[in-house]
Amino acid sequence: MERTNPQTLKFAIDFMKVVHEEIEGPRLEQARSLLAEAKRIYMLGFGFGAKNVERLRLANLDPAAKSILATAFGLKPLETAVIHAQCTNKIELVDCKCLDLLRNRAPLW
């Protein structure tokens, strides 16, 4: 696998968006649409709060049509079980830091 280079990471960072709780309407709909259409989803440092999981409709994603990886650095088995239940086992949780996920599991090309 080719190593991720700084230019690729910069490109990805420029397109990252944080969806705050107070944001509703078009931006949230756009986030949902982008998640539904993406071939690969990498969730870095996402807290998996029940409200955010629900708002983004993560349980509705189709893992057969895309790769969905999320960092789960230091989470315990009970914590990962709760996340899997919230997301109906559609997201692969990886016990690593964000940069390690990008370098080792997330081809960005």
Protein backbone atom coordinates (compact mmCIF):
# COMPACT_ATOMS: atom_id res chain seq x y z
CA MET A 1 0.00 0.00 0.00
CA GLU A 2 1.27 3.45 -0.89
CA ARG A 3 2.02 5.67 2.07
CA THR A 4 -0.20 8.69 2.52
CA ASN A 5 1.68 11.89 1.70
CA PRO A 6 1.28 15.37 3.24
CA GLN A 7 -0.45 16.79 0.14
CA THR A 8 -3.12 14.07 0.25
CA LEU A 9 -3.71 14.66 3.95
CA LYS A 10 -3.96 18.43 3.38
CA PHE A 11 -6.53 17.84 0.64
CA ALA A 12 -8.59 15.61 2.96
CA ILE A 13 -8.35 18.06 5.87
CA ASP A 14 -9.58 20.92 3.68
CA PHE A 15 -12.81 18.99 3.08
CA MET A 16 -13.45 17.92 6.70
CA LYS A 17 -16.44 19.51 8.35
CA VAL A 18 -17.56 19.45 11.97
CA VAL A 19 -21.31 19.22 12.38
CA HIS A 20 -22.13 20.95 15.64
CA GLU A 21 -25.28 20.15 17.59
CA GLU A 22 -26.86 23.51 16.85
CA ILE A 23 -26.57 23.04 13.08
CA GLU A 24 -29.73 21.78 11.41
CA GLY A 25 -31.16 22.09 7.97
CA PRO A 26 -29.15 22.12 4.74
CA ARG A 27 -25.70 21.48 6.26
CA LEU A 28 -26.89 18.43 8.17
CA GLU A 29 -28.74 17.16 5.10
CA GLN A 30 -25.59 17.67 3.06
CA ALA A 31 -23.56 15.69 5.63
CA ARG A 32 -26.08 12.84 5.47
CA SER A 33 -26.04 12.88 1.69
CA LEU A 34 -22.25 12.86 1.51
CA LEU A 35 -22.09 9.94 3.95
CA ALA A 36 -24.67 8.01 1.93
CA GLU A 37 -22.81 8.60 -1.36
CA ALA A 38 -19.23 8.07 -0.14
CA LYS A 39 -17.35 4.93 -1.11
CA ARG A 40 -15.09 5.20 1.94
CA ILE A 41 -15.80 6.84 5.28
CA TYR A 42 -13.11 7.45 7.89
CA MET A 43 -14.39 8.75 11.22
CA LEU A 44 -11.53 10.30 13.16
CA GLY A 45 -12.06 11.03 16.84
CA PHE A 46 -15.82 10.84 16.52
CA GLY A 47 -17.37 10.50 19.99
CA PHE A 48 -20.38 8.40 18.92
CA GLY A 49 -22.76 10.31 21.15
CA ALA A 50 -26.22 8.84 20.65
CA LYS A 51 -27.66 12.14 19.39
CA ASN A 52 -24.89 12.60 16.80
CA VAL A 53 -25.19 8.98 15.62
CA GLU A 54 -28.94 9.51 15.22
CA ARG A 55 -28.62 12.92 13.53
CA LEU A 56 -26.14 11.59 10.97
CA ARG A 57 -28.20 8.41 10.49
CA LEU A 58 -25.14 6.20 10.82
CA ALA A 59 -27.32 3.12 11.38
CA ASN A 60 -28.70 3.60 7.85
CA LEU A 61 -25.34 3.44 6.06
CA ASP A 62 -24.74 0.50 3.74
CA PRO A 63 -21.45 -1.22 4.65
CA ALA A 64 -21.81 -3.56 1.66
CA ALA A 65 -21.41 -0.55 -0.64
CA LYS A 66 -18.60 1.20 1.23
CA SER A 67 -15.76 0.89 3.69
CA ILE A 68 -16.59 2.50 7.04
CA LEU A 69 -13.75 2.78 9.55
CA ALA A 70 -13.63 4.72 12.80
CA THR A 71 -10.97 5.29 15.42
CA ALA A 72 -11.73 3.75 18.79
CA PHE A 73 -8.48 4.45 20.59
CA GLY A 74 -8.50 3.01 24.10
CA LEU A 75 -12.17 2.06 24.11
CA LYS A 76 -13.16 -0.91 26.24
CA PRO A 77 -15.28 -3.85 25.00
CA LEU A 78 -18.48 -2.52 26.59
CA GLU A 79 -17.96 0.87 24.95
CA THR A 80 -17.41 -0.66 21.52
CA ALA A 81 -20.44 -2.93 22.02
CA VAL A 82 -22.62 0.14 22.65
CA ILE A 83 -21.27 1.83 19.52
CA HIS A 84 -21.87 -1.29 17.43
CA ALA A 85 -25.44 -1.47 18.76
CA GLN A 86 -26.05 2.22 17.95
CA CYS A 87 -24.70 1.79 14.44
CA THR A 88 -26.14 -1.70 13.92
CA ASN A 89 -22.64 -3.16 13.44
CA LYS A 90 -22.06 -1.17 10.25
CA ILE A 91 -18.84 0.56 11.30
CA GLU A 92 -15.50 -1.14 11.82
CA LEU A 93 -13.92 0.26 14.97
CA VAL A 94 -10.13 0.33 14.99
CA ASP A 95 -8.22 0.72 18.26
CA CYS A 96 -5.70 3.27 17.06
CA LYS A 97 -5.02 6.99 16.90
CA CYS A 98 -6.29 9.08 13.99
CA LEU A 99 -2.98 9.38 12.15
CA ASP A 100 -2.35 5.65 12.51
CA LEU A 101 -5.72 4.87 10.92
CA LEU A 102 -4.91 7.14 7.99
CA ARG A 103 -1.43 5.74 7.54
CA ASN A 104 -2.24 2.05 7.95
CA ARG A 105 -5.86 1.45 6.98
CA ALA A 106 -7.20 4.34 4.95
CA PRO A 107 -6.06 4.70 1.35
CA LEU A 108 -6.84 8.27 0.37
CA TRP A 109 -6.40 7.89 -3.38
